[in-house]
C-alpha atoms as a PDB file:
ATOM      1  CA  MET A   1       0.000   0.000   0.000  1.00  0.00           C
ATOM      2  CA  LEU A   2       1.469   3.344  -1.063  1.00  0.00           C
ATOM      3  CA  SER A   3       1.675   6.181   1.429  1.00  0.00           C
ATOM      4  CA  LYS A   4      -0.002   9.504   0.638  1.00  0.00           C
ATOM      5  CA  SER A   5       3.388  10.993  -0.287  1.00  0.00           C
ATOM      6  CA  GLU A   6       4.210   8.030  -2.568  1.00  0.00           C
ATOM      7  CA  LYS A   7       0.804   8.337  -4.263  1.00  0.00           C
ATOM      8  CA  THR A   8       1.396  12.055  -4.859  1.00  0.00           C
ATOM      9  CA  THR A   9       4.862  11.381  -6.274  1.00  0.00           C
ATOM     10  CA  LYS A  10       3.468   8.709  -8.604  1.00  0.00           C
ATOM     11  CA  TYR A  11       0.640  11.036  -9.697  1.00  0.00           C
ATOM     12  CA  ILE A  12       3.066  13.884 -10.465  1.00  0.00           C
ATOM     13  CA  ILE A  13       5.342  11.635 -12.547  1.00  0.00           C
ATOM     14  CA  GLU A  14       2.477  10.064 -14.502  1.00  0.00           C
ATOM     15  CA  THR A  15       0.949  13.480 -15.193  1.00  0.00           C
ATOM     16  CA  VAL A  16       4.068  15.358 -16.261  1.00  0.00           C
ATOM     17  CA  ALA A  17       6.036  12.586 -18.025  1.00  0.00           C
ATOM     18  CA  PRO A  18       4.273  13.226 -21.377  1.00  0.00           C
ATOM     19  CA  ILE A  19       4.764  16.996 -20.981  1.00  0.00           C
ATOM     20  CA  PHE A  20       8.530  16.724 -20.459  1.00  0.00           C
ATOM     21  CA  ASN A  21       8.765  14.300 -23.371  1.00  0.00           C
ATOM     22  CA  LYS A  22       6.869  16.606 -25.749  1.00  0.00           C
ATOM     23  CA  LYS A  23       8.216  19.997 -24.652  1.00  0.00           C
ATOM     24  CA  GLY A  24      11.676  19.099 -23.376  1.00  0.00           C
ATOM     25  CA  TYR A  25      13.398  19.994 -20.138  1.00  0.00           C
ATOM     26  CA  ALA A  26      14.094  23.688 -20.769  1.00  0.00           C
ATOM     27  CA  ALA A  27      10.675  24.471 -22.268  1.00  0.00           C
ATOM     28  CA  THR A  28       8.718  22.750 -19.482  1.00  0.00           C
ATOM     29  CA  SER A  29       8.035  25.367 -16.816  1.00  0.00           C
ATOM     30  CA  MET A  30       6.910  24.957 -13.228  1.00  0.00           C
ATOM     31  CA  SER A  31       3.644  26.567 -14.379  1.00  0.00           C
ATOM     32  CA  ASP A  32       3.190  23.694 -16.853  1.00  0.00           C
ATOM     33  CA  ILE A  33       3.716  21.250 -14.000  1.00  0.00           C
ATOM     34  CA  THR A  34       1.405  23.006 -11.521  1.00  0.00           C
ATOM     35  CA  ASN A  35      -1.293  23.509 -14.181  1.00  0.00           C
ATOM     36  CA  ALA A  36      -1.200  19.870 -15.258  1.00  0.00           C
ATOM     37  CA  THR A  37      -1.141  18.407 -11.746  1.00  0.00           C
ATOM     38  CA  ARG A  38      -3.340  21.102 -10.117  1.00  0.00           C
ATOM     39  CA  LEU A  39      -0.870  21.058  -7.227  1.00  0.00           C
ATOM     40  CA  THR A  40       0.973  23.975  -5.671  1.00  0.00           C
ATOM     41  CA  LYS A  41       4.722  24.465  -6.109  1.00  0.00           C
ATOM     42  CA  GLY A  42       5.061  23.668  -2.409  1.00  0.00           C
ATOM     43  CA  ALA A  43       3.303  20.317  -2.854  1.00  0.00           C
ATOM     44  CA  ILE A  44       5.500  19.472  -5.834  1.00  0.00           C
ATOM     45  CA  TYR A  45       8.740  20.505  -4.127  1.00  0.00           C
ATOM     46  CA  GLY A  46       7.637  18.516  -1.084  1.00  0.00           C
ATOM     47  CA  ASN A  47       8.049  15.428  -3.273  1.00  0.00           C
ATOM     48  CA  PHE A  48      10.925  16.467  -5.552  1.00  0.00           C
ATOM     49  CA  LYS A  49      14.139  18.392  -4.898  1.00  0.00           C
ATOM     50  CA  ASN A  50      13.854  20.434  -8.113  1.00  0.00           C
ATOM     51  CA  LYS A  51      12.585  20.458 -11.704  1.00  0.00           C
ATOM     52  CA  GLU A  52      15.517  18.325 -12.838  1.00  0.00           C
ATOM     53  CA  ALA A  53      14.531  15.574 -10.380  1.00  0.00           C
ATOM     54  CA  ILE A  54      10.986  15.599 -11.805  1.00  0.00           C
ATOM     55  CA  ALA A  55      12.386  15.460 -15.357  1.00  0.00           C
ATOM     56  CA  ILE A  56      14.633  12.487 -14.511  1.00  0.00           C
ATOM     57  CA  ALA A  57      11.764  10.598 -12.842  1.00  0.00           C
ATOM     58  CA  SER A  58       9.528  11.366 -15.842  1.00  0.00           C
ATOM     59  CA  PHE A  59      12.185  10.213 -18.310  1.00  0.00           C
ATOM     60  CA  ASN A  60      12.719   6.992 -16.332  1.00  0.00           C
ATOM     61  CA  LYS A  61       8.981   6.298 -16.347  1.00  0.00           C
ATOM     62  CA  ASN A  62       8.715   6.742 -20.123  1.00  0.00           C
ATOM     63  CA  VAL A  63      11.822   4.639 -20.769  1.00  0.00           C
ATOM     64  CA  ASN A  64      10.788   1.857 -18.360  1.00  0.00           C
ATOM     65  CA  ASN A  65       7.416   1.603 -20.102  1.00  0.00           C
ATOM     66  CA  LEU A  66       9.218   1.382 -23.454  1.00  0.00           C
ATOM     67  CA  LEU A  67      11.704  -1.266 -22.263  1.00  0.00           C
ATOM     68  CA  LYS A  68       8.878  -3.361 -20.782  1.00  0.00           C
ATOM     69  CA  ARG A  69       7.087  -3.259 -24.151  1.00  0.00           C
ATOM     70  CA  ILE A  70      10.230  -4.400 -25.972  1.00  0.00           C
ATOM     71  CA  ALA A  71      10.851  -7.178 -23.423  1.00  0.00           C
ATOM     72  CA  LYS A  72       7.251  -8.371 -23.758  1.00  0.00           C
ATOM     73  CA  HIS A  73       7.598  -8.375 -27.555  1.00  0.00           C
ATOM     74  CA  GLN A  74      10.799 -10.442 -27.247  1.00  0.00           C
ATOM     75  CA  ASP A  75       8.996 -12.998 -25.062  1.00  0.00           C
ATOM     76  CA  GLN A  76       7.554 -14.434 -28.293  1.00  0.00           C
ATOM     77  CA  SER A  77      10.744 -16.493 -28.694  1.00  0.00           C
ATOM     78  CA  LYS A  78      13.317 -18.198 -26.492  1.00  0.00           C
ATOM     79  CA  SER A  79      15.984 -18.037 -29.211  1.00  0.00           C
ATOM     80  CA  PRO A  80      18.585 -15.244 -28.800  1.00  0.00           C
ATOM     81  CA  LEU A  81      18.782 -14.792 -32.586  1.00  0.00           C
ATOM     82  CA  GLN A  82      15.004 -14.509 -32.878  1.00  0.00           C
ATOM     83  CA  LYS A  83      14.949 -12.087 -29.930  1.00  0.00           C
ATOM     84  CA  LEU A  84      17.360  -9.923 -31.938  1.00  0.00           C
ATOM     85  CA  TYR A  85      14.964 -10.001 -34.900  1.00  0.00           C
ATOM     86  CA  LEU A  86      12.116  -9.166 -32.518  1.00  0.00           C
ATOM     87  CA  ILE A  87      13.902  -5.918 -31.590  1.00  0.00           C
ATOM     88  CA  THR A  88      13.832  -4.767 -35.212  1.00  0.00           C
ATOM     89  CA  ASP A  89      10.262  -6.066 -35.535  1.00  0.00           C
ATOM     90  CA  PHE A  90       9.211  -3.951 -32.544  1.00  0.00           C
ATOM     91  CA  TYR A  91      10.720  -0.800 -34.032  1.00  0.00           C
ATOM     92  CA  LYS A  92       8.929  -1.295 -37.361  1.00  0.00           C
ATOM     93  CA  LYS A  93       5.758  -0.199 -35.541  1.00  0.00           C
ATOM     94  CA  TYR A  94       7.461   2.128 -33.051  1.00  0.00           C
ATOM     95  CA  TYR A  95       6.298   5.373 -34.655  1.00  0.00           C
ATOM     96  CA  ASP A  96       2.646   4.803 -33.781  1.00  0.00           C
ATOM     97  CA  TYR A  97       3.461   3.722 -30.212  1.00  0.00           C
ATOM     98  CA  SER A  98       5.932   6.541 -29.523  1.00  0.00           C
ATOM     99  CA  LYS A  99       3.549   9.203 -30.844  1.00  0.00           C
ATOM    100  CA  GLU A 100       1.335   8.364 -27.842  1.00  0.00           C
ATOM    101  CA  LEU A 101       4.293   9.370 -25.634  1.00  0.00           C
ATOM    102  CA  GLY A 102       4.917  12.573 -27.574  1.00  0.00           C
ATOM    103  CA  GLY A 103       7.895  11.092 -29.389  1.00  0.00           C
ATOM    104  CA  CYS A 104      10.816   8.830 -28.570  1.00  0.00           C
ATOM    105  CA  PRO A 105      11.912   9.665 -24.993  1.00  0.00           C
ATOM    106  CA  ILE A 106      15.535   8.689 -25.599  1.00  0.00           C
ATOM    107  CA  LEU A 107      15.850  10.833 -28.728  1.00  0.00           C
ATOM    108  CA  ASN A 108      13.769  13.749 -27.405  1.00  0.00           C
ATOM    109  CA  ILE A 109      15.402  14.053 -24.001  1.00  0.00           C
ATOM    110  CA  GLY A 110      18.859  13.133 -25.298  1.00  0.00           C
ATOM    111  CA  VAL A 111      18.879  15.958 -27.850  1.00  0.00           C
ATOM    112  CA  ASP A 112      17.114  18.415 -25.529  1.00  0.00           C
ATOM    113  CA  SER A 113      19.397  17.902 -22.531  1.00  0.00           C
ATOM    114  CA  ASN A 114      22.711  17.461 -24.362  1.00  0.00           C
ATOM    115  CA  HIS A 115      23.809  21.120 -24.195  1.00  0.00           C
ATOM    116  CA  GLN A 116      22.426  21.914 -20.751  1.00  0.00           C
ATOM    117  CA  ASP A 117      25.010  20.116 -18.596  1.00  0.00           C
ATOM    118  CA  THR A 118      22.389  18.421 -16.436  1.00  0.00           C
ATOM    119  CA  LEU A 119      22.081  15.087 -14.703  1.00  0.00           C
ATOM    120  CA  LEU A 120      19.386  14.363 -17.271  1.00  0.00           C
ATOM    121  CA  ILE A 121      21.861  13.752 -20.112  1.00  0.00           C
ATOM    122  CA  GLU A 122      23.776  11.390 -17.820  1.00  0.00           C
ATOM    123  CA  GLN A 123      20.540   9.448 -17.300  1.00  0.00           C
ATOM    124  CA  VAL A 124      19.967   9.246 -21.072  1.00  0.00           C
ATOM    125  CA  ARG A 125      23.526   7.988 -21.606  1.00  0.00           C
ATOM    126  CA  LEU A 126      23.022   5.410 -18.856  1.00  0.00           C
ATOM    127  CA  VAL A 127      19.889   4.082 -20.606  1.00  0.00           C
ATOM    128  CA  ILE A 128      21.636   3.978 -24.002  1.00  0.00           C
ATOM    129  CA  ASN A 129      24.624   2.114 -22.528  1.00  0.00           C
ATOM    130  CA  LYS A 130      22.322  -0.304 -20.711  1.00  0.00           C
ATOM    131  CA  THR A 131      20.316  -0.959 -23.897  1.00  0.00           C
ATOM    132  CA  GLN A 132      23.453  -1.540 -25.972  1.00  0.00           C
ATOM    133  CA  ASN A 133      24.862  -3.823 -23.261  1.00  0.00           C
ATOM    134  CA  ASN A 134      21.647  -5.857 -23.295  1.00  0.00           C
ATOM    135  CA  ILE A 135      21.842  -6.240 -27.086  1.00  0.00           C
ATOM    136  CA  SER A 136      25.515  -7.219 -26.746  1.00  0.00           C
ATOM    137  CA  LYS A 137      24.624  -9.888 -24.136  1.00  0.00           C
ATOM    138  CA  LEU A 138      21.931 -11.211 -26.469  1.00  0.00           C
ATOM    139  CA  ILE A 139      24.523 -11.560 -29.235  1.00  0.00           C
ATOM    140  CA  ASP A 140      26.946 -13.285 -26.815  1.00  0.00           C
ATOM    141  CA  TRP A 141      24.169 -15.696 -25.872  1.00  0.00           C
ATOM    142  CA  GLY A 142      23.532 -16.339 -29.566  1.00  0.00           C
ATOM    143  CA  LYS A 143      27.228 -17.128 -30.024  1.00  0.00           C
ATOM    144  CA  ASP A 144      27.171 -19.510 -27.032  1.00  0.00           C
ATOM    145  CA  VAL A 145      24.283 -21.519 -28.489  1.00  0.00           C
ATOM    146  CA  GLY A 146      25.672 -21.469 -32.048  1.00  0.00           C
ATOM    147  CA  GLU A 147      23.029 -19.201 -33.616  1.00  0.00           C
ATOM    148  CA  ILE A 148      25.435 -16.296 -34.190  1.00  0.00           C
ATOM    149  CA  LYS A 149      28.941 -16.397 -35.682  1.00  0.00           C
ATOM    150  CA  SER A 150      31.572 -16.584 -32.946  1.00  0.00           C
ATOM    151  CA  GLU A 151      33.855 -13.983 -34.546  1.00  0.00           C
ATOM    152  CA  ILE A 152      31.274 -11.171 -34.291  1.00  0.00           C
ATOM    153  CA  ASN A 153      32.228  -8.295 -31.977  1.00  0.00           C
ATOM    154  CA  SER A 154      29.060  -8.171 -29.852  1.00  0.00           C
ATOM    155  CA  ALA A 155      29.591  -4.682 -28.414  1.00  0.00           C
ATOM    156  CA  LEU A 156      30.325  -3.096 -31.814  1.00  0.00           C
ATOM    157  CA  PHE A 157      27.352  -4.766 -33.475  1.00  0.00           C
ATOM    158  CA  ALA A 158      25.075  -3.670 -30.612  1.00  0.00           C
ATOM    159  CA  LYS A 159      26.202  -0.052 -31.140  1.00  0.00           C
ATOM    160  CA  ARG A 160      25.662  -0.398 -34.887  1.00  0.00           C
ATOM    161  CA  LEU A 161      22.137  -1.756 -34.445  1.00  0.00           C
ATOM    162  CA  TYR A 162      21.139   0.849 -31.872  1.00  0.00           C
ATOM    163  CA  SER A 163      22.631   3.713 -33.920  1.00  0.00           C
ATOM    164  CA  HIS A 164      20.643   2.506 -36.920  1.00  0.00           C
ATOM    165  CA  ILE A 165      17.458   2.458 -34.823  1.00  0.00           C
ATOM    166  CA  GLN A 166      17.914   5.924 -33.329  1.00  0.00           C
ATOM    167  CA  GLY A 167      18.965   7.462 -36.655  1.00  0.00           C
ATOM    168  CA  ALA A 168      15.871   6.030 -38.311  1.00  0.00           C
ATOM    169  CA  ILE A 169      13.671   7.315 -35.468  1.00  0.00           C
ATOM    170  CA  PHE A 170      15.124  10.797 -35.975  1.00  0.00           C
ATOM    171  CA  MET A 171      14.415  10.701 -39.717  1.00  0.00           C
ATOM    172  CA  THR A 172      10.922   9.286 -39.202  1.00  0.00           C
ATOM    173  CA  TYR A 173       9.975  12.076 -36.799  1.00  0.00           C
ATOM    174  CA  THR A 174      11.698  14.834 -38.736  1.00  0.00           C
ATOM    175  CA  MET A 175      10.063  13.837 -42.017  1.00  0.00           C
ATOM    176  CA  ASP A 176       6.823  12.524 -40.439  1.00  0.00           C
ATOM    177  CA  ASP A 177       7.248   9.370 -42.494  1.00  0.00           C
ATOM    178  CA  ASP A 178       7.442   5.935 -40.880  1.00  0.00           C
ATOM    179  CA  THR A 179       8.928   4.339 -43.992  1.00  0.00           C
ATOM    180  CA  TYR A 180      12.365   5.526 -42.786  1.00  0.00           C
ATOM    181  CA  LEU A 181      12.066   3.385 -39.666  1.00  0.00           C
ATOM    182  CA  ASN A 182      10.399   0.490 -41.429  1.00  0.00           C
ATOM    183  CA  ARG A 183      12.994   0.323 -44.204  1.00  0.00           C
ATOM    184  CA  ALA A 184      15.897   0.742 -41.786  1.00  0.00           C
ATOM    185  CA  MET A 185      14.669  -2.222 -39.732  1.00  0.00           C
ATOM    186  CA  ILE A 186      14.263  -4.352 -42.877  1.00  0.00           C
ATOM    187  CA  GLU A 187      17.868  -3.431 -43.766  1.00  0.00           C
ATOM    188  CA  MET A 188      19.023  -4.402 -40.260  1.00  0.00           C
ATOM    189  CA  ASP A 189      17.236  -7.753 -40.632  1.00  0.00           C
ATOM    190  CA  THR A 190      19.208  -8.328 -43.841  1.00  0.00           C
ATOM    191  CA  ILE A 191      22.451  -7.334 -42.103  1.00  0.00           C
ATOM    192  CA  ILE A 192      21.720  -9.700 -39.194  1.00  0.00           C
ATOM    193  CA  LYS A 193      20.957 -12.534 -41.614  1.00  0.00           C
ATOM    194  CA  ASN A 194      23.924 -11.974 -43.926  1.00  0.00           C
ATOM    195  CA  GLU A 195      26.612 -10.867 -41.469  1.00  0.00           C
ATOM    196  CA  ILE A 196      26.053 -12.426 -38.065  1.00  0.00           C
ATOM    197  CA  GLU A 197      23.577 -15.320 -38.338  1.00  0.00           C
ATOM    198  CA  ASN A 198      25.302 -18.702 -38.246  1.00  0.00           C
END
């Protein structure tokens, strides 16, 4: 059972997470937060140290929801190679899902916070590193069970795949055209099949 304070914290995060994702850290004002939550600044600062702390909690919520969706999508197979294909499969339909969030949280917050020297960019980098490490572990697992070529550099391929995904997300949003993402994921499927699949 959540305490009253924990319920308020949860309510604030759930309410403002889409706002931070759409508007960015700098453009989201305390007025935006108080208007959306209908809470006073005092009530908000009673639960969070500052605006940056709210932004980090909001980013983490959006990213955790995204990672849970990807993990659930990957549950369709127990094969590490197929789980790799399921990542690209997930991102083929990512545009529609991420529009509900106000865009891709990793891309939005990463670009927005990069020149502001905040803890927020460190959080984005942490998530990117964690995601790439998870892809790298998946490739290592594939090598262990003989589904992926043993000579593949797992860490480098993970970076390549994730860079391809994020670049395609950027183009899809910039051009408002999901064929960028769809085609990029089809290309990655071909690369996986031709370059790393055993």
